[in-house]
Amino acid sequence: MTIPQIIAIAVFVAVMFFVITEKLPRAIVALVGAAVLVITGVVSPSEAAESIDFNTIGVLMGMMMYVAVVKTSGLFEFIAIKAAKLARGNPIAIMALLVVITAMFSAMLDNVTTILLILPMTLMICRTLEINPVPFFICEAMASNIGGTSTLIGDPPNIIIGSQAGLSFMDFICTNGPVVAIILVVLILIWRLQLKKRIKVDESRVADLMQMNEKEQIARPWLFYVSICMIVLVSVMFGLHSMLGVSSAAIALSAAAIMIVLDIKNIRSVLKDVEWNTLLFFLGLFVVVGGLDHTGLLSAFAGLVIDITGGNMVVTMIVILWISAIASAFVDNVPFAATMIPVILAMEGTGIDVTALWWALSLGACLGGNATIIGASANVVMSEISNTNGHPISFGMYFKECFPLTMLTVAISMVYLLILF
């Protein structure tokens, strides 16, 4: 093993350690790791720049700014209250509707943004009904990760996978969409059985909920209607971007630019809402993983995987699916996906058709994050909101509720992939 390879491995392990333990801000850790690789000559400045997937960065930045404007209209609050009233105050029906809404939002927005928008409304509804919001929070966190699995922009791993593999928005909808729908139906039925025994509501509280006026949540009527039109337009553009020859980053940034121009007075607030730490983390992480790639380590790992599976694509697909799911339960699925992508590309370089492997990685990385409270960013945000509002969720509590269900979703995905490929 060469000195550059040893340095690349040491930097990668150190970065992963601090990301998992959260002893230091992960953006700083990733950027320092990238700087070490450049300073030591493991990668040149030009190679570091080539390692960065600017399409992924563009999609994330554009959607963050876009949502920062839309959320001030009151659109998301309107939908949440409307859903609760449509459910006639029945907590089980409310759960099902909020889960579906969360999954749909996460398909078009990033799942962290969806959680930040949905949970406050869920908390308001649960307080009105005087019921424990924790079961709802956990269901919605899982739904956000599951819904995000169905589209190119719904979950960060998919953004990276789509960009590197050349997969379009419609590719994700057509391939991951059906299994996501099946998984959601199965989980809603399970949650219905679980919550029916645990949640009881006083009829007087239901009456209070039914008296709420969702129209009062519309803070800015003109922006409310513009936001609805823009969501439809952006959805159509994402669906057609491969046919039009326009990158997903260009669509996201254009949508953000239009919304900012329409609400130019609040541009400072919009820029403040952008998760700059997340974007910087991605920049550093791409370079750190690029160090493994440039030193030939990922190619060697790809060869090892091929040797172990005998080059059998079905076995390789199953191995990647389950390794991705289990690893993403304990390691943020973004760095894991970013690490595995060059491995699959290296396997593709040997002449193997790796189409099924991309989908195994996508489903494993996105769904596996549901297994633990640290497996996905949406889970962490959900637990923080719950804790802040007096409803602590421990690692053990979440694990007990979600790990078995997550393994079930991965098993369903495995059967689906075997049938499909």
Protein backbone atom coordinates (compact mmCIF):
# COMPACT_ATOMS: atom_id res chain seq x y z
CA MET A 1 0.00 0.00 0.00
CA THR A 2 1.38 3.40 -1.01
CA ILE A 3 1.73 6.44 1.25
CA PRO A 4 -1.01 8.38 -0.63
CA GLN A 5 -3.37 5.44 -0.12
CA ILE A 6 -2.58 5.28 3.60
CA ILE A 7 -3.22 9.04 3.93
CA ALA A 8 -6.48 8.78 1.97
CA ILE A 9 -7.73 5.93 4.19
CA ALA A 10 -6.66 7.71 7.40
CA VAL A 11 -8.43 10.92 6.37
CA PHE A 12 -11.58 9.06 5.36
CA VAL A 13 -11.72 7.07 8.62
CA ALA A 14 -11.11 10.21 10.69
CA VAL A 15 -13.82 12.15 8.86
CA MET A 16 -16.31 9.27 9.29
CA PHE A 17 -15.46 9.01 12.99
CA PHE A 18 -16.23 12.65 13.66
CA VAL A 19 -19.35 12.58 11.47
CA ILE A 20 -20.75 9.57 13.37
CA THR A 21 -19.82 10.80 16.84
CA GLU A 22 -20.74 14.43 16.07
CA LYS A 23 -17.88 15.61 18.26
CA LEU A 24 -17.18 18.39 15.78
CA PRO A 25 -19.36 20.14 13.16
CA ARG A 26 -19.38 17.81 10.17
CA ALA A 27 -18.89 20.63 7.66
CA ILE A 28 -15.62 21.62 9.34
CA VAL A 29 -14.49 18.00 9.57
CA ALA A 30 -15.13 17.36 5.86
CA LEU A 31 -13.44 20.58 4.76
CA VAL A 32 -10.39 19.93 6.95
CA GLY A 33 -10.18 16.39 5.55
CA ALA A 34 -10.30 17.76 2.00
CA ALA A 35 -7.62 20.34 2.83
CA VAL A 36 -5.32 17.66 4.26
CA LEU A 37 -5.58 15.62 1.05
CA VAL A 38 -4.71 18.65 -1.09
CA ILE A 39 -1.86 19.85 1.18
CA THR A 40 -0.28 16.39 1.30
CA GLY A 41 -0.53 16.04 -2.47
CA VAL A 42 -2.85 13.02 -2.41
CA VAL A 43 -5.07 14.99 -4.79
CA SER A 44 -4.18 18.11 -6.74
CA PRO A 45 -6.39 21.22 -6.58
CA SER A 46 -7.74 20.40 -10.05
CA GLU A 47 -8.47 16.79 -9.06
CA ALA A 48 -10.23 18.03 -5.93
CA ALA A 49 -12.43 20.31 -8.05
CA GLU A 50 -13.20 17.44 -10.44
CA SER A 51 -14.33 15.30 -7.49
CA ILE A 52 -17.07 17.76 -6.54
CA ASP A 53 -20.50 17.03 -8.00
CA PHE A 54 -21.70 20.57 -8.64
CA ASN A 55 -25.03 19.33 -9.97
CA THR A 56 -25.83 17.90 -6.54
CA ILE A 57 -24.74 21.12 -4.84
CA GLY A 58 -26.88 23.15 -7.23
CA VAL A 59 -30.02 21.07 -6.65
CA LEU A 60 -29.67 21.28 -2.87
CA MET A 61 -28.97 25.02 -2.84
CA GLY A 62 -31.77 25.80 -5.27
CA MET A 63 -34.40 23.77 -3.40
CA MET A 64 -33.36 25.26 -0.05
CA MET A 65 -33.85 28.82 -1.34
CA TYR A 66 -37.05 27.87 -3.16
CA VAL A 67 -38.65 26.38 -0.05
CA ALA A 68 -37.47 29.30 2.10
CA VAL A 69 -39.72 31.59 0.05
CA VAL A 70 -42.68 29.21 -0.37
CA LYS A 71 -42.98 28.42 3.34
CA THR A 72 -43.72 32.09 4.18
CA SER A 73 -46.97 31.85 2.22
CA GLY A 74 -48.63 29.51 4.73
CA LEU A 75 -49.19 26.82 2.09
CA PHE A 76 -47.83 23.96 4.17
CA GLU A 77 -49.83 24.91 7.28
CA PHE A 78 -52.98 25.20 5.16
CA ILE A 79 -52.50 21.67 3.81
CA ALA A 80 -51.84 20.16 7.26
CA ILE A 81 -54.99 21.62 8.86
CA LYS A 82 -57.07 20.80 5.79
CA ALA A 83 -55.91 17.18 6.05
CA ALA A 84 -56.79 16.98 9.74
CA LYS A 85 -60.30 18.28 9.06
CA LEU A 86 -60.76 15.92 6.13
CA ALA A 87 -59.97 13.11 8.55
CA ARG A 88 -62.82 14.36 10.80
CA GLY A 89 -60.41 14.56 13.72
CA ASN A 90 -59.85 10.79 13.74
CA PRO A 91 -56.22 10.41 14.90
CA ILE A 92 -55.64 7.22 12.87
CA ALA A 93 -56.96 8.84 9.71
CA ILE A 94 -54.94 11.99 10.48
CA MET A 95 -51.81 9.87 10.82
CA ALA A 96 -52.45 8.20 7.45
CA LEU A 97 -53.08 11.51 5.70
CA LEU A 98 -50.05 13.23 7.27
CA VAL A 99 -47.86 10.26 6.34
CA VAL A 100 -49.02 10.46 2.72
CA ILE A 101 -48.58 14.25 2.65
CA THR A 102 -45.11 13.94 4.20
CA ALA A 103 -44.10 11.33 1.62
CA MET A 104 -45.41 13.48 -1.22
CA PHE A 105 -43.64 16.60 0.03
CA SER A 106 -40.41 14.65 0.50
CA ALA A 107 -40.64 13.44 -3.07
CA MET A 108 -40.51 17.05 -4.29
CA LEU A 109 -38.54 18.71 -1.48
CA ASP A 110 -35.66 17.44 0.63
CA ASN A 111 -36.82 15.37 3.61
CA VAL A 112 -35.27 17.66 6.25
CA THR A 113 -37.22 20.62 4.89
CA THR A 114 -40.39 18.52 4.90
CA ILE A 115 -39.90 17.51 8.53
CA LEU A 116 -39.31 21.12 9.54
CA LEU A 117 -42.59 22.09 7.89
CA ILE A 118 -44.79 19.12 8.89
CA LEU A 119 -43.81 18.58 12.55
CA PRO A 120 -44.89 21.98 13.94
CA MET A 121 -48.31 21.50 12.38
CA THR A 122 -48.51 17.94 13.70
CA LEU A 123 -47.64 19.23 17.16
CA MET A 124 -50.42 21.83 16.95
CA ILE A 125 -52.96 19.21 15.89
CA CYS A 126 -51.89 16.76 18.62
CA ARG A 127 -52.04 19.47 21.29
CA THR A 128 -55.53 20.39 20.16
CA LEU A 129 -56.56 16.74 20.45
CA GLU A 130 -54.49 16.32 23.66
CA ILE A 131 -52.65 13.23 22.40
CA ASN A 132 -48.99 12.21 22.42
CA PRO A 133 -47.31 13.46 19.21
CA VAL A 134 -44.32 11.07 19.38
CA PRO A 135 -45.95 8.21 17.39
CA PHE A 136 -46.93 10.74 14.71
CA PHE A 137 -43.42 12.23 14.65
CA ILE A 138 -41.81 8.82 14.19
CA CYS A 139 -44.24 7.81 11.43
CA GLU A 140 -43.61 11.11 9.62
CA ALA A 141 -39.83 10.84 9.91
CA MET A 142 -39.95 7.37 8.35
CA ALA A 143 -42.39 8.57 5.68
CA SER A 144 -40.10 11.47 4.76
CA ASN A 145 -37.20 9.11 4.08
CA ILE A 146 -39.42 6.64 2.22
CA GLY A 147 -41.10 9.32 0.10
CA GLY A 148 -37.74 10.88 -0.73
CA THR A 149 -36.60 7.53 -2.09
CA SER A 150 -39.05 7.78 -5.00
CA THR A 151 -37.52 10.76 -6.80
CA LEU A 152 -34.23 12.21 -7.95
CA ILE A 153 -34.45 15.21 -5.62
CA GLY A 154 -36.23 13.69 -2.61
CA ASP A 155 -33.18 12.35 -0.76
CA PRO A 156 -29.55 13.54 -1.05
CA PRO A 157 -28.19 10.05 -1.94
CA ASN A 158 -30.53 9.98 -4.95
CA ILE A 159 -29.30 13.37 -6.11
CA ILE A 160 -25.73 12.09 -6.06
CA ILE A 161 -26.63 8.72 -7.63
CA GLY A 162 -28.70 10.33 -10.37
CA SER A 163 -25.97 12.78 -11.25
CA GLN A 164 -23.20 10.18 -11.38
CA ALA A 165 -25.22 7.41 -13.07
CA GLY A 166 -27.01 9.68 -15.54
CA LEU A 167 -30.45 8.72 -14.22
CA SER A 168 -33.36 11.09 -14.83
CA PHE A 169 -36.21 12.24 -12.61
CA MET A 170 -38.59 9.89 -14.44
CA ASP A 171 -36.16 6.99 -14.06
CA PHE A 172 -36.51 7.28 -10.29
CA ILE A 173 -40.28 7.72 -10.43
CA CYS A 174 -40.74 4.66 -12.67
CA THR A 175 -38.28 2.40 -10.84
CA ASN A 176 -38.46 3.38 -7.17
CA GLY A 177 -41.98 4.81 -7.22
CA PRO A 178 -43.92 1.50 -7.30
CA VAL A 179 -42.02 -0.12 -4.42
CA VAL A 180 -42.27 3.08 -2.36
CA ALA A 181 -46.06 3.05 -2.81
CA ILE A 182 -46.21 -0.61 -1.72
CA ILE A 183 -44.05 0.09 1.33
CA LEU A 184 -46.16 3.07 2.39
CA VAL A 185 -49.39 1.05 2.19
CA VAL A 186 -47.88 -1.79 4.25
CA LEU A 187 -46.54 0.58 6.93
CA ILE A 188 -49.77 2.57 7.18
CA LEU A 189 -51.67 -0.66 7.82
CA ILE A 190 -49.15 -1.67 10.51
CA TRP A 191 -49.19 1.76 12.15
CA ARG A 192 -52.99 1.74 12.08
CA LEU A 193 -53.03 -1.45 14.14
CA GLN A 194 -50.39 -0.14 16.55
CA LEU A 195 -51.88 3.31 17.14
CA LYS A 196 -55.48 2.10 17.42
CA LYS A 197 -54.60 0.53 20.78
CA ARG A 198 -52.45 3.42 22.05
CA ILE A 199 -54.37 6.59 21.15
CA LYS A 200 -57.76 7.66 22.52
CA VAL A 201 -59.30 11.08 21.82
CA ASP A 202 -61.95 13.04 23.70
CA GLU A 203 -64.81 14.07 21.42
CA SER A 204 -64.74 17.66 22.71
CA ARG A 205 -61.14 17.99 21.49
CA VAL A 206 -62.19 16.74 18.05
CA ALA A 207 -64.85 19.46 17.95
CA ASP A 208 -62.18 22.11 18.70
CA LEU A 209 -60.07 20.85 15.83
CA MET A 210 -62.97 20.90 13.39
CA GLN A 211 -63.59 24.56 14.22
CA MET A 212 -60.09 25.61 13.08
CA ASN A 213 -60.03 27.66 9.87
CA GLU A 214 -57.25 26.59 7.54
CA LYS A 215 -57.66 29.76 5.46
CA GLU A 216 -56.41 31.80 8.42
CA GLN A 217 -53.02 30.12 7.95
CA ILE A 218 -52.55 31.81 4.56
CA ALA A 219 -50.17 34.58 5.57
CA ARG A 220 -49.58 35.98 2.06
CA PRO A 221 -52.41 35.17 -0.38
CA TRP A 222 -50.62 36.24 -3.57
CA LEU A 223 -47.56 34.14 -2.70
CA PHE A 224 -49.81 31.24 -1.70
CA TYR A 225 -51.25 30.95 -5.22
CA VAL A 226 -47.94 31.65 -6.93
CA SER A 227 -46.36 28.87 -4.84
CA ILE A 228 -48.99 26.35 -5.96
CA CYS A 229 -48.35 27.23 -9.60
CA MET A 230 -44.57 27.06 -9.15
CA ILE A 231 -44.73 23.65 -7.41
CA VAL A 232 -46.66 22.27 -10.39
CA LEU A 233 -44.27 23.89 -12.88
CA VAL A 234 -41.15 22.68 -11.07
CA SER A 235 -42.57 19.15 -10.83
CA VAL A 236 -43.24 19.09 -14.59
CA MET A 237 -39.77 20.47 -15.37
CA PHE A 238 -38.06 17.88 -13.19
CA GLY A 239 -40.06 15.19 -14.94
CA LEU A 240 -39.00 16.43 -18.39
CA HIS A 241 -35.46 17.63 -17.65
CA SER A 242 -33.74 14.69 -19.38
CA MET A 243 -35.86 15.15 -22.51
CA LEU A 244 -35.21 18.89 -22.53
CA GLY A 245 -31.50 18.47 -21.96
CA VAL A 246 -31.60 20.71 -18.88
CA SER A 247 -29.81 19.70 -15.69
CA SER A 248 -31.76 19.24 -12.46
CA ALA A 249 -29.50 21.87 -10.85
CA ALA A 250 -30.49 24.42 -13.50
CA ILE A 251 -34.18 23.78 -12.80
CA ALA A 252 -33.78 24.06 -9.01
CA LEU A 253 -31.68 27.23 -9.21
CA SER A 254 -34.03 28.80 -11.78
CA ALA A 255 -37.05 28.09 -9.57
CA ALA A 256 -35.22 29.63 -6.62
CA ALA A 257 -34.27 32.69 -8.65
CA ILE A 258 -37.87 33.27 -9.79
CA MET A 259 -39.23 33.00 -6.25
CA ILE A 260 -36.52 35.28 -4.86
CA VAL A 261 -37.21 37.93 -7.52
CA LEU A 262 -40.92 37.78 -6.68
CA ASP A 263 -40.10 38.24 -2.98
CA ILE A 264 -36.90 40.27 -3.29
CA LYS A 265 -37.56 42.24 -0.08
CA ASN A 266 -37.01 39.10 1.99
CA ILE A 267 -33.82 37.94 0.29
CA ARG A 268 -31.80 38.16 3.52
CA SER A 269 -34.25 35.87 5.26
CA VAL A 270 -34.06 33.42 2.35
CA LEU A 271 -30.27 33.30 2.40
CA LYS A 272 -30.34 32.82 6.17
CA ASP A 273 -32.57 29.75 5.76
CA VAL A 274 -30.12 28.04 3.40
CA GLU A 275 -28.27 25.26 5.22
CA TRP A 276 -24.80 26.43 4.28
CA ASN A 277 -23.20 23.91 6.65
CA THR A 278 -24.81 21.07 4.70
CA LEU A 279 -23.55 22.42 1.39
CA LEU A 280 -20.01 22.86 2.74
CA PHE A 281 -20.15 19.34 4.16
CA PHE A 282 -20.97 17.99 0.69
CA LEU A 283 -18.13 19.95 -0.89
CA GLY A 284 -15.58 18.54 1.55
CA LEU A 285 -17.02 15.04 1.43
CA PHE A 286 -16.79 14.82 -2.35
CA VAL A 287 -13.07 15.62 -2.15
CA VAL A 288 -12.47 13.11 0.68
CA VAL A 289 -14.15 10.32 -1.31
CA GLY A 290 -12.32 11.55 -4.40
CA GLY A 291 -9.07 10.87 -2.54
CA LEU A 292 -10.02 7.20 -2.24
CA ASP A 293 -10.90 7.13 -5.92
CA HIS A 294 -7.76 8.87 -7.22
CA THR A 295 -5.48 6.55 -5.24
CA GLY A 296 -7.12 3.45 -6.72
CA LEU A 297 -8.62 2.20 -3.46
CA LEU A 298 -12.20 2.20 -4.71
CA SER A 299 -11.25 0.25 -7.82
CA ALA A 300 -9.56 -2.33 -5.60
CA PHE A 301 -12.68 -2.54 -3.42
CA ALA A 302 -14.84 -2.99 -6.54
CA GLY A 303 -12.61 -5.87 -7.58
CA LEU A 304 -13.00 -7.42 -4.13
CA VAL A 305 -16.80 -7.20 -4.33
CA ILE A 306 -16.73 -8.87 -7.75
CA ASP A 307 -14.46 -11.63 -6.43
CA ILE A 308 -16.70 -12.27 -3.42
CA THR A 309 -19.91 -12.41 -5.47
CA GLY A 310 -18.27 -14.20 -8.39
CA GLY A 311 -19.45 -11.39 -10.68
CA ASN A 312 -23.05 -12.61 -10.29
CA MET A 313 -25.19 -9.46 -10.63
CA VAL A 314 -28.11 -10.85 -8.64
CA VAL A 315 -25.89 -11.70 -5.67
CA THR A 316 -24.03 -8.40 -5.99
CA MET A 317 -27.32 -6.50 -6.09
CA ILE A 318 -28.57 -8.19 -2.91
CA VAL A 319 -25.25 -7.63 -1.14
CA ILE A 320 -25.19 -3.92 -2.02
CA LEU A 321 -28.84 -3.49 -0.98
CA TRP A 322 -28.36 -4.99 2.48
CA ILE A 323 -24.89 -3.54 3.12
CA SER A 324 -26.24 -0.11 2.14
CA ALA A 325 -29.26 -0.48 4.42
CA ILE A 326 -27.34 -1.71 7.47
CA ALA A 327 -24.49 0.77 7.05
CA SER A 328 -26.90 3.69 6.53
CA ALA A 329 -28.60 2.81 9.81
CA PHE A 330 -25.47 3.84 11.71
CA VAL A 331 -23.63 6.09 9.27
CA ASP A 332 -25.18 9.08 7.52
CA ASN A 333 -26.43 7.73 4.20
CA VAL A 334 -24.92 10.64 2.27
CA PRO A 335 -21.24 9.82 2.88
CA PHE A 336 -21.97 6.11 2.45
CA ALA A 337 -23.65 6.64 -0.92
CA ALA A 338 -20.87 9.00 -1.98
CA THR A 339 -18.36 6.27 -1.10
CA MET A 340 -20.18 3.48 -2.94
CA ILE A 341 -20.85 5.37 -6.18
CA PRO A 342 -17.22 5.31 -7.40
CA VAL A 343 -17.12 1.59 -6.49
CA ILE A 344 -20.07 0.87 -8.79
CA LEU A 345 -18.54 3.07 -11.50
CA ALA A 346 -15.33 1.07 -11.19
CA MET A 347 -17.34 -2.15 -11.62
CA GLU A 348 -19.01 -0.63 -14.67
CA GLY A 349 -15.54 0.06 -16.04
CA THR A 350 -14.92 -3.68 -16.18
CA GLY A 351 -17.75 -4.05 -18.70
CA ILE A 352 -20.47 -5.15 -16.26
CA ASP A 353 -24.06 -3.85 -16.59
CA VAL A 354 -24.54 -2.15 -13.21
CA THR A 355 -28.09 -0.80 -13.73
CA ALA A 356 -29.57 -2.96 -10.95
CA LEU A 357 -26.79 -1.92 -8.57
CA TRP A 358 -27.72 1.76 -8.78
CA TRP A 359 -31.25 0.97 -7.64
CA ALA A 360 -30.01 -1.38 -4.91
CA LEU A 361 -27.79 1.41 -3.58
CA SER A 362 -30.59 3.97 -3.79
CA LEU A 363 -33.16 1.83 -1.97
CA GLY A 364 -30.68 0.53 0.60
CA ALA A 365 -29.16 3.91 1.46
CA CYS A 366 -32.46 5.81 1.60
CA LEU A 367 -34.56 3.20 3.42
CA GLY A 368 -31.77 2.03 5.75
CA GLY A 369 -31.54 5.48 7.29
CA ASN A 370 -34.91 4.81 8.97
CA ALA A 371 -33.48 2.10 11.23
CA THR A 372 -31.93 4.38 13.87
CA ILE A 373 -32.36 7.91 15.10
CA ILE A 374 -28.96 8.88 13.65
CA GLY A 375 -29.41 7.10 10.33
CA ALA A 376 -30.83 10.08 8.46
CA SER A 377 -30.77 13.84 8.93
CA ALA A 378 -34.58 13.95 9.02
CA ASN A 379 -34.57 11.60 12.04
CA VAL A 380 -32.12 13.81 13.93
CA VAL A 381 -34.16 16.94 13.21
CA MET A 382 -37.36 15.15 14.25
CA SER A 383 -35.89 14.05 17.58
CA GLU A 384 -34.56 17.54 18.30
CA ILE A 385 -37.97 19.12 17.66
CA SER A 386 -39.66 16.48 19.81
CA ASN A 387 -37.18 16.92 22.66
CA THR A 388 -37.51 20.72 22.52
CA ASN A 389 -41.28 20.42 22.92
CA GLY A 390 -41.10 18.13 25.96
CA HIS A 391 -41.40 14.76 24.25
CA PRO A 392 -37.95 13.10 24.42
CA ILE A 393 -37.22 10.26 22.02
CA SER A 394 -34.28 8.07 23.00
CA PHE A 395 -32.08 6.04 20.68
CA GLY A 396 -33.51 2.83 22.18
CA MET A 397 -37.13 3.94 21.83
CA TYR A 398 -36.68 4.84 18.18
CA PHE A 399 -34.68 1.68 17.45
CA LYS A 400 -37.36 -0.55 19.00
CA GLU A 401 -40.09 1.09 16.94
CA CYS A 402 -38.33 1.50 13.62
CA PHE A 403 -35.58 -1.09 13.15
CA PRO A 404 -37.94 -4.06 12.52
CA LEU A 405 -40.08 -1.96 10.15
CA THR A 406 -36.99 -0.78 8.29
CA MET A 407 -35.77 -4.32 7.77
CA LEU A 408 -39.25 -5.18 6.46
CA THR A 409 -39.07 -2.32 3.93
CA VAL A 410 -35.63 -3.51 2.77
CA ALA A 411 -36.93 -7.08 2.42
CA ILE A 412 -39.84 -5.81 0.30
CA SER A 413 -37.34 -3.88 -1.82
CA MET A 414 -35.21 -7.00 -2.30
CA VAL A 415 -38.19 -8.99 -3.57
CA TYR A 416 -39.13 -6.08 -5.85
CA LEU A 417 -35.60 -5.83 -7.31
CA LEU A 418 -35.43 -9.57 -7.88
CA ILE A 419 -38.69 -9.44 -9.81
CA LEU A 420 -37.62 -6.32 -11.74
CA PHE A 421 -34.12 -7.43 -12.66
